[in-house]
Amino acid sequence: MSKKINYRIGIAVLILVAIYFALDGIEKNKNLESTQNNQIQQDVRGLAIIEHAYKNKLESIQVQSVGTVKVLLPDDNKGSRHQKFILELDNGQTVLVAHNIDLAPRIPNLSRGDRVDFYGEYEYSSKGGVIHWTHHDSKGSHIDGWLKHNNLIYK
C-alpha cells in the first residue's frame, strides 16, 4: 500500500515540476515577445522622429532606430577619426552615420546589407541627415550614444 502511495506522490511531483517548467517557459516567451515588441515600437517612433526632423530641417535631435548599410565610406581621418557609412532606414530615407572611432571602437567587418541599430544625435542635411554622437561621452556633457551590429554594442 505504501509503495502505491509513494508512487502516486512521485507521479504528482513530476507532473507539478513539468507544469512549473512549462509555465516558466511561457513566461520567458512572453517577456521575450514584450522586449521585441518594445524594440519595434522604439524603432517606429525613432523613424517617425527622424522623418519629422528631416522634413522640418531640425538639428540636435536624440534618436534611436535601425537601418540597413547601403554604402560604406572611407574613414574620415581629419581631426577626430570617424567610421562613416550610409544607412537606409525602413522608410527609404538615408542617413550618414559618423561614428567617432577615437572615442569608441569601430564596427569591424561591416558590410553592405548589414542591419545596424543606433542611438545618437540627428542633424539635418539635404541628403537625409547625419547621425553622430554614437559613443560614450567621457566628459558627461552629452547623452551617450551607441551602435549595435550583430548583437554587439559599440560605444
N, C-alpha and C. Protein backbone atom coordinates (compact mmCIF):
# COMPACT_ATOMS: atom_id res chain seq x y z
N MET A 1 0.81 -1.19 0.00
CA MET A 1 0.00 0.00 0.00
C MET A 1 0.86 1.26 0.00
N SER A 2 1.89 1.31 0.84
CA SER A 2 2.73 2.50 0.91
C SER A 2 3.52 2.70 -0.38
N LYS A 3 3.84 1.58 -1.07
CA LYS A 3 4.53 1.71 -2.36
C LYS A 3 3.63 2.41 -3.37
N LYS A 4 2.33 2.09 -3.36
CA LYS A 4 1.38 2.74 -4.28
C LYS A 4 1.26 4.23 -3.95
N ILE A 5 1.22 4.56 -2.69
CA ILE A 5 1.11 5.97 -2.28
C ILE A 5 2.38 6.72 -2.68
N ASN A 6 3.54 6.15 -2.41
CA ASN A 6 4.80 6.79 -2.79
C ASN A 6 4.88 6.96 -4.31
N TYR A 7 4.44 5.96 -5.04
CA TYR A 7 4.43 6.03 -6.49
C TYR A 7 3.54 7.17 -6.97
N ARG A 8 2.34 7.27 -6.40
CA ARG A 8 1.40 8.33 -6.78
C ARG A 8 1.93 9.70 -6.40
N ILE A 9 2.53 9.79 -5.25
CA ILE A 9 3.13 11.07 -4.83
C ILE A 9 4.27 11.44 -5.78
N GLY A 10 5.07 10.47 -6.15
CA GLY A 10 6.16 10.71 -7.11
C GLY A 10 5.64 11.19 -8.45
N ILE A 11 4.60 10.56 -8.95
CA ILE A 11 3.99 10.97 -10.22
C ILE A 11 3.43 12.39 -10.10
N ALA A 12 2.74 12.66 -8.97
CA ALA A 12 2.17 14.00 -8.76
C ALA A 12 3.27 15.06 -8.74
N VAL A 13 4.39 14.77 -8.08
CA VAL A 13 5.51 15.71 -8.02
C VAL A 13 6.07 15.94 -9.42
N LEU A 14 6.24 14.87 -10.18
CA LEU A 14 6.75 15.02 -11.55
C LEU A 14 5.82 15.87 -12.41
N ILE A 15 4.53 15.67 -12.25
CA ILE A 15 3.56 16.47 -13.01
C ILE A 15 3.65 17.93 -12.60
N LEU A 16 3.74 18.21 -11.30
CA LEU A 16 3.86 19.60 -10.83
C LEU A 16 5.15 20.26 -11.34
N VAL A 17 6.24 19.51 -11.32
CA VAL A 17 7.52 20.05 -11.84
C VAL A 17 7.39 20.35 -13.33
N ALA A 18 6.77 19.45 -14.09
CA ALA A 18 6.58 19.68 -15.53
C ALA A 18 5.72 20.91 -15.77
N ILE A 19 4.66 21.07 -14.99
CA ILE A 19 3.79 22.25 -15.12
C ILE A 19 4.57 23.51 -14.80
N TYR A 20 5.38 23.48 -13.74
CA TYR A 20 6.19 24.64 -13.36
C TYR A 20 7.10 25.08 -14.50
N PHE A 21 7.83 24.11 -15.07
CA PHE A 21 8.76 24.45 -16.15
C PHE A 21 8.02 24.89 -17.41
N ALA A 22 6.88 24.32 -17.68
CA ALA A 22 6.09 24.75 -18.84
C ALA A 22 5.62 26.19 -18.66
N LEU A 23 5.11 26.52 -17.48
CA LEU A 23 4.65 27.88 -17.21
C LEU A 23 5.81 28.86 -17.22
N ASP A 24 6.95 28.43 -16.68
CA ASP A 24 8.14 29.29 -16.69
C ASP A 24 8.58 29.59 -18.12
N GLY A 25 8.53 28.58 -18.99
CA GLY A 25 8.88 28.79 -20.40
C GLY A 25 7.92 29.73 -21.09
N ILE A 26 6.63 29.61 -20.77
CA ILE A 26 5.63 30.51 -21.35
C ILE A 26 5.91 31.94 -20.90
N GLU A 27 6.23 32.13 -19.61
CA GLU A 27 6.52 33.47 -19.08
C GLU A 27 7.76 34.06 -19.74
N LYS A 28 8.80 33.24 -19.94
CA LYS A 28 10.02 33.72 -20.61
C LYS A 28 9.71 34.12 -22.05
N ASN A 29 8.88 33.35 -22.74
CA ASN A 29 8.50 33.70 -24.12
C ASN A 29 7.71 35.01 -24.14
N LYS A 30 6.83 35.20 -23.16
CA LYS A 30 6.08 36.45 -23.08
C LYS A 30 7.02 37.62 -22.87
N ASN A 31 8.03 37.45 -21.99
CA ASN A 31 9.00 38.51 -21.74
C ASN A 31 9.81 38.81 -22.99
N LEU A 32 10.21 37.78 -23.72
CA LEU A 32 10.95 37.97 -24.96
C LEU A 32 10.10 38.69 -25.98
N GLU A 33 8.84 38.27 -26.14
CA GLU A 33 7.93 38.93 -27.08
C GLU A 33 7.72 40.38 -26.68
N SER A 34 7.58 40.64 -25.39
CA SER A 34 7.39 42.00 -24.90
C SER A 34 8.61 42.86 -25.22
N THR A 35 9.81 42.31 -25.02
CA THR A 35 11.04 43.03 -25.33
C THR A 35 11.12 43.33 -26.82
N GLN A 36 10.79 42.33 -27.66
CA GLN A 36 10.83 42.52 -29.11
C GLN A 36 9.79 43.56 -29.54
N ASN A 37 8.59 43.51 -28.96
CA ASN A 37 7.56 44.49 -29.29
C ASN A 37 7.99 45.89 -28.88
N ASN A 38 8.61 46.03 -27.71
CA ASN A 38 9.10 47.33 -27.27
C ASN A 38 10.16 47.86 -28.23
N GLN A 39 11.06 46.98 -28.71
CA GLN A 39 12.10 47.40 -29.64
C GLN A 39 11.47 47.87 -30.95
N ILE A 40 10.48 47.13 -31.45
CA ILE A 40 9.81 47.52 -32.69
C ILE A 40 9.13 48.88 -32.52
N GLN A 41 8.45 49.08 -31.39
CA GLN A 41 7.79 50.35 -31.13
C GLN A 41 8.81 51.48 -31.07
N GLN A 42 9.97 51.24 -30.43
CA GLN A 42 11.03 52.25 -30.34
C GLN A 42 11.55 52.59 -31.73
N ASP A 43 11.76 51.56 -32.57
CA ASP A 43 12.25 51.79 -33.92
C ASP A 43 11.25 52.61 -34.74
N VAL A 44 9.96 52.31 -34.60
CA VAL A 44 8.92 53.04 -35.33
C VAL A 44 8.88 54.49 -34.85
N ARG A 45 8.94 54.71 -33.54
CA ARG A 45 8.96 56.09 -33.01
C ARG A 45 10.19 56.83 -33.50
N GLY A 46 11.36 56.16 -33.45
CA GLY A 46 12.59 56.78 -33.91
C GLY A 46 12.53 57.15 -35.38
N LEU A 47 11.97 56.27 -36.17
CA LEU A 47 11.82 56.52 -37.59
C LEU A 47 10.93 57.73 -37.84
N ALA A 48 9.83 57.83 -37.11
CA ALA A 48 8.92 58.97 -37.25
C ALA A 48 9.61 60.28 -36.83
N ILE A 49 10.40 60.22 -35.77
CA ILE A 49 11.11 61.41 -35.31
C ILE A 49 12.13 61.86 -36.36
N ILE A 50 12.87 60.91 -36.93
CA ILE A 50 13.86 61.25 -37.96
C ILE A 50 13.18 61.83 -39.19
N GLU A 51 12.08 61.22 -39.61
CA GLU A 51 11.34 61.72 -40.77
C GLU A 51 10.84 63.15 -40.52
N HIS A 52 10.31 63.39 -39.33
CA HIS A 52 9.83 64.73 -38.96
C HIS A 52 10.99 65.73 -38.93
N ALA A 53 12.11 65.31 -38.35
CA ALA A 53 13.28 66.20 -38.26
C ALA A 53 13.80 66.56 -39.65
N TYR A 54 13.80 65.58 -40.56
CA TYR A 54 14.27 65.84 -41.91
C TYR A 54 13.34 66.81 -42.63
N LYS A 55 12.03 66.55 -42.57
CA LYS A 55 11.06 67.41 -43.26
C LYS A 55 11.09 68.84 -42.73
N ASN A 56 11.42 69.00 -41.45
CA ASN A 56 11.40 70.32 -40.83
C ASN A 56 12.80 70.90 -40.61
N LYS A 57 13.81 70.25 -41.19
CA LYS A 57 15.20 70.69 -41.14
C LYS A 57 15.67 70.96 -39.70
N LEU A 58 15.37 70.02 -38.83
CA LEU A 58 15.73 70.16 -37.41
C LEU A 58 17.11 69.59 -37.14
N GLU A 59 17.71 70.06 -36.06
CA GLU A 59 19.04 69.62 -35.67
C GLU A 59 19.08 69.28 -34.19
N SER A 60 20.12 68.56 -33.80
CA SER A 60 20.38 68.22 -32.40
C SER A 60 19.21 67.46 -31.77
N ILE A 61 18.72 66.45 -32.49
CA ILE A 61 17.61 65.63 -32.02
C ILE A 61 18.14 64.24 -31.67
N GLN A 62 17.96 63.82 -30.42
CA GLN A 62 18.40 62.50 -30.00
C GLN A 62 17.43 61.46 -30.55
N VAL A 63 17.95 60.45 -31.27
CA VAL A 63 17.10 59.46 -31.93
C VAL A 63 17.64 58.05 -31.75
N GLN A 64 16.72 57.10 -31.83
CA GLN A 64 17.09 55.68 -31.83
C GLN A 64 16.28 54.99 -32.92
N SER A 65 16.97 54.22 -33.76
CA SER A 65 16.29 53.47 -34.80
C SER A 65 17.23 52.40 -35.34
N VAL A 66 16.91 51.92 -36.54
CA VAL A 66 17.71 50.88 -37.17
C VAL A 66 17.67 51.11 -38.68
N GLY A 67 18.73 50.70 -39.35
CA GLY A 67 18.78 50.81 -40.80
C GLY A 67 19.68 49.74 -41.39
N THR A 68 19.68 49.71 -42.71
CA THR A 68 20.48 48.74 -43.46
C THR A 68 21.63 49.48 -44.13
N VAL A 69 22.84 48.95 -44.01
CA VAL A 69 24.01 49.59 -44.62
C VAL A 69 23.83 49.59 -46.13
N LYS A 70 23.83 50.80 -46.68
CA LYS A 70 23.67 50.96 -48.13
C LYS A 70 25.03 51.21 -48.79
N VAL A 71 25.85 52.05 -48.13
CA VAL A 71 27.16 52.41 -48.68
C VAL A 71 28.18 52.47 -47.55
N LEU A 72 29.33 51.86 -47.76
CA LEU A 72 30.46 52.00 -46.84
C LEU A 72 31.38 53.08 -47.39
N LEU A 73 31.74 54.03 -46.55
CA LEU A 73 32.59 55.14 -46.97
C LEU A 73 33.95 55.01 -46.30
N PRO A 74 34.97 55.65 -46.89
CA PRO A 74 36.28 55.63 -46.23
C PRO A 74 36.20 56.38 -44.90
N ASP A 75 37.05 55.98 -43.96
CA ASP A 75 37.12 56.70 -42.69
C ASP A 75 37.50 58.14 -42.94
N ASP A 76 36.95 59.02 -42.12
CA ASP A 76 37.34 60.43 -42.12
C ASP A 76 38.45 60.56 -41.09
N ASN A 77 39.66 60.86 -41.53
CA ASN A 77 40.82 60.93 -40.63
C ASN A 77 41.27 62.35 -40.34
N LYS A 78 40.47 63.33 -40.73
CA LYS A 78 40.79 64.73 -40.43
C LYS A 78 40.24 65.06 -39.05
N GLY A 79 41.09 65.53 -38.15
CA GLY A 79 40.64 65.80 -36.78
C GLY A 79 40.30 64.50 -36.09
N SER A 80 39.18 64.45 -35.39
CA SER A 80 38.74 63.20 -34.78
C SER A 80 38.38 62.21 -35.89
N ARG A 81 38.86 60.98 -35.76
CA ARG A 81 38.61 59.98 -36.80
C ARG A 81 37.19 59.42 -36.68
N HIS A 82 36.54 59.23 -37.83
CA HIS A 82 35.16 58.72 -37.85
C HIS A 82 35.02 57.60 -38.87
N GLN A 83 34.37 56.51 -38.44
CA GLN A 83 33.94 55.48 -39.36
C GLN A 83 32.64 55.99 -39.98
N LYS A 84 32.55 55.95 -41.31
CA LYS A 84 31.38 56.54 -41.96
C LYS A 84 30.71 55.53 -42.89
N PHE A 85 29.39 55.54 -42.83
CA PHE A 85 28.60 54.68 -43.71
C PHE A 85 27.20 55.27 -43.82
N ILE A 86 26.51 54.90 -44.88
CA ILE A 86 25.15 55.38 -45.10
C ILE A 86 24.18 54.24 -44.81
N LEU A 87 23.20 54.55 -43.97
CA LEU A 87 22.14 53.60 -43.66
C LEU A 87 20.88 53.99 -44.42
N GLU A 88 20.19 53.00 -44.93
CA GLU A 88 18.85 53.22 -45.47
C GLU A 88 17.87 52.78 -44.39
N LEU A 89 17.01 53.71 -43.98
CA LEU A 89 16.02 53.42 -42.96
C LEU A 89 14.86 52.68 -43.59
N ASP A 90 14.00 52.13 -42.76
CA ASP A 90 12.89 51.31 -43.26
C ASP A 90 11.88 52.10 -44.07
N ASN A 91 11.91 53.44 -43.99
CA ASN A 91 11.01 54.27 -44.80
C ASN A 91 11.67 54.72 -46.10
N GLY A 92 12.90 54.27 -46.37
CA GLY A 92 13.61 54.64 -47.59
C GLY A 92 14.54 55.83 -47.43
N GLN A 93 14.39 56.58 -46.36
CA GLN A 93 15.28 57.72 -46.11
C GLN A 93 16.68 57.20 -45.79
N THR A 94 17.69 57.96 -46.21
CA THR A 94 19.06 57.60 -45.89
C THR A 94 19.65 58.59 -44.90
N VAL A 95 20.55 58.09 -44.07
CA VAL A 95 21.29 58.94 -43.13
C VAL A 95 22.75 58.52 -43.16
N LEU A 96 23.61 59.50 -43.02
CA LEU A 96 25.04 59.25 -42.89
C LEU A 96 25.34 59.02 -41.42
N VAL A 97 26.00 57.94 -41.10
CA VAL A 97 26.45 57.70 -39.73
C VAL A 97 27.92 58.08 -39.66
N ALA A 98 28.26 58.97 -38.72
CA ALA A 98 29.64 59.38 -38.48
C ALA A 98 29.98 58.96 -37.05
N HIS A 99 30.63 57.79 -36.93
CA HIS A 99 30.92 57.15 -35.65
C HIS A 99 32.36 57.45 -35.24
N ASN A 100 32.54 58.20 -34.16
CA ASN A 100 33.86 58.64 -33.72
C ASN A 100 34.68 57.45 -33.20
N ILE A 101 35.68 57.05 -33.98
CA ILE A 101 36.49 55.89 -33.61
C ILE A 101 37.71 56.27 -32.79
N ASP A 102 37.83 57.54 -32.43
CA ASP A 102 38.83 57.92 -31.42
C ASP A 102 38.25 57.73 -30.03
N LEU A 103 36.92 57.73 -29.92
CA LEU A 103 36.24 57.60 -28.62
C LEU A 103 35.52 56.27 -28.44
N ALA A 104 35.30 55.54 -29.51
CA ALA A 104 34.57 54.28 -29.44
C ALA A 104 35.17 53.30 -30.44
N PRO A 105 35.01 52.01 -30.18
CA PRO A 105 35.54 51.03 -31.15
C PRO A 105 34.78 51.10 -32.47
N ARG A 106 35.51 50.89 -33.54
CA ARG A 106 34.88 50.82 -34.85
C ARG A 106 34.12 49.50 -34.97
N ILE A 107 33.16 49.46 -35.85
CA ILE A 107 32.46 48.21 -36.12
C ILE A 107 33.31 47.43 -37.13
N PRO A 108 33.85 46.29 -36.71
CA PRO A 108 34.66 45.51 -37.66
C PRO A 108 33.76 44.73 -38.61
N ASN A 109 34.28 44.44 -39.77
CA ASN A 109 33.59 43.57 -40.74
C ASN A 109 32.19 44.05 -41.10
N LEU A 110 31.99 45.35 -41.10
CA LEU A 110 30.69 45.91 -41.50
C LEU A 110 30.57 45.75 -43.01
N SER A 111 29.42 45.28 -43.46
CA SER A 111 29.21 45.02 -44.88
C SER A 111 27.91 45.63 -45.36
N ARG A 112 27.87 45.88 -46.64
CA ARG A 112 26.64 46.36 -47.26
C ARG A 112 25.53 45.32 -47.01
N GLY A 113 24.34 45.80 -46.63
CA GLY A 113 23.23 44.91 -46.35
C GLY A 113 23.08 44.56 -44.88
N ASP A 114 24.10 44.86 -44.06
CA ASP A 114 24.02 44.59 -42.62
C ASP A 114 23.03 45.54 -41.96
N ARG A 115 22.37 45.06 -40.91
CA ARG A 115 21.47 45.90 -40.12
C ARG A 115 22.27 46.50 -38.97
N VAL A 116 22.06 47.79 -38.73
CA VAL A 116 22.73 48.48 -37.63
C VAL A 116 21.68 49.29 -36.86
N ASP A 117 21.58 48.99 -35.56
CA ASP A 117 20.75 49.80 -34.67
C ASP A 117 21.60 50.97 -34.21
N PHE A 118 20.97 52.10 -33.94
CA PHE A 118 21.75 53.25 -33.49
C PHE A 118 20.97 54.09 -32.49
N TYR A 119 21.75 54.77 -31.67
CA TYR A 119 21.22 55.78 -30.75
C TYR A 119 22.22 56.91 -30.78
N GLY A 120 21.81 58.04 -31.30
CA GLY A 120 22.72 59.17 -31.45
C GLY A 120 21.96 60.43 -31.74
N GLU A 121 22.69 61.43 -32.16
CA GLU A 121 22.10 62.74 -32.41
C GLU A 121 21.91 62.94 -33.92
N TYR A 122 20.70 63.34 -34.30
CA TYR A 122 20.37 63.61 -35.70
C TYR A 122 20.64 65.07 -36.02
N GLU A 123 21.29 65.30 -37.14
CA GLU A 123 21.50 66.65 -37.69
C GLU A 123 20.97 66.65 -39.12
N TYR A 124 20.24 67.68 -39.47
CA TYR A 124 19.67 67.78 -40.81
C TYR A 124 20.77 67.94 -41.85
N SER A 125 20.58 67.30 -42.99
CA SER A 125 21.33 67.58 -44.22
C SER A 125 20.37 67.33 -45.37
N SER A 126 20.62 67.95 -46.49
CA SER A 126 19.71 67.82 -47.63
C SER A 126 19.68 66.39 -48.18
N LYS A 127 20.67 65.57 -47.81
CA LYS A 127 20.72 64.19 -48.30
C LYS A 127 20.04 63.21 -47.34
N GLY A 128 19.41 63.70 -46.30
CA GLY A 128 18.68 62.82 -45.38
C GLY A 128 19.02 63.03 -43.93
N GLY A 129 20.24 63.41 -43.65
CA GLY A 129 20.64 63.68 -42.28
C GLY A 129 21.91 62.95 -41.90
N VAL A 130 22.43 63.34 -40.75
CA VAL A 130 23.64 62.75 -40.21
C VAL A 130 23.34 62.29 -38.79
N ILE A 131 23.82 61.10 -38.45
CA ILE A 131 23.73 60.59 -37.09
C ILE A 131 25.15 60.59 -36.53
N HIS A 132 25.33 61.32 -35.43
CA HIS A 132 26.63 61.31 -34.76
C HIS A 132 26.41 61.21 -33.25
N TRP A 133 27.45 61.39 -32.47
CA TRP A 133 27.39 61.16 -31.02
C TRP A 133 26.92 59.73 -30.73
N THR A 134 27.48 58.78 -31.47
CA THR A 134 27.15 57.37 -31.28
C THR A 134 28.21 56.70 -30.40
N HIS A 135 28.60 57.41 -29.34
CA HIS A 135 29.66 56.92 -28.46
C HIS A 135 29.42 57.46 -27.05
N HIS A 136 30.19 56.94 -26.13
CA HIS A 136 30.16 57.40 -24.75
C HIS A 136 30.82 58.79 -24.68
N ASP A 137 30.26 59.67 -23.86
CA ASP A 137 30.85 60.99 -23.65
C ASP A 137 31.53 61.00 -22.28
N SER A 138 32.85 60.87 -22.29
CA SER A 138 33.60 60.79 -21.03
C SER A 138 33.52 62.09 -20.22
N LYS A 139 33.19 63.19 -20.86
CA LYS A 139 33.06 64.47 -20.15
C LYS A 139 31.70 64.63 -19.50
N GLY A 140 30.75 63.82 -19.90
CA GLY A 140 29.42 63.88 -19.31
C GLY A 140 28.60 65.08 -19.74
N SER A 141 28.98 65.71 -20.85
CA SER A 141 28.25 66.89 -21.33
C SER A 141 27.18 66.55 -22.35
N HIS A 142 27.15 65.31 -22.80
CA HIS A 142 26.20 64.89 -23.84
C HIS A 142 25.68 63.50 -23.50
N ILE A 143 24.50 63.20 -23.95
CA ILE A 143 23.93 61.86 -23.77
C ILE A 143 24.79 60.85 -24.52
N ASP A 144 25.09 59.73 -23.87
CA ASP A 144 25.85 58.68 -24.53
C ASP A 144 25.04 58.06 -25.65
N GLY A 145 25.71 57.76 -26.75
CA GLY A 145 25.09 57.07 -27.86
C GLY A 145 25.75 55.73 -28.07
N TRP A 146 25.28 55.00 -29.08
CA TRP A 146 25.85 53.69 -29.38
C TRP A 146 25.40 53.21 -30.76
N LEU A 147 26.11 52.22 -31.25
CA LEU A 147 25.73 51.47 -32.45
C LEU A 147 25.65 50.01 -32.06
N LYS A 148 24.73 49.27 -32.67
CA LYS A 148 24.61 47.84 -32.40
C LYS A 148 24.63 47.09 -33.72
N HIS A 149 25.56 46.14 -33.81
CA HIS A 149 25.73 45.36 -35.04
C HIS A 149 26.01 43.91 -34.63
N ASN A 150 25.26 42.97 -35.18
CA ASN A 150 25.41 41.55 -34.83
C ASN A 150 25.36 41.32 -33.32
N ASN A 151 24.44 42.01 -32.67
CA ASN A 151 24.20 41.89 -31.22
C ASN A 151 25.35 42.39 -30.35
N LEU A 152 26.30 43.11 -30.93
CA LEU A 152 27.37 43.74 -30.15
C LEU A 152 27.17 45.24 -30.17
N ILE A 153 27.38 45.86 -29.02
CA ILE A 153 27.19 47.31 -28.91
C ILE A 153 28.53 48.01 -28.90
N TYR A 154 28.63 49.06 -29.70
CA TYR A 154 29.85 49.85 -29.83
C TYR A 154 29.55 51.24 -29.31
N LYS A 155 30.23 51.60 -28.20
CA LYS A 155 30.04 52.93 -27.63
C LYS A 155 31.33 53.42 -27.07
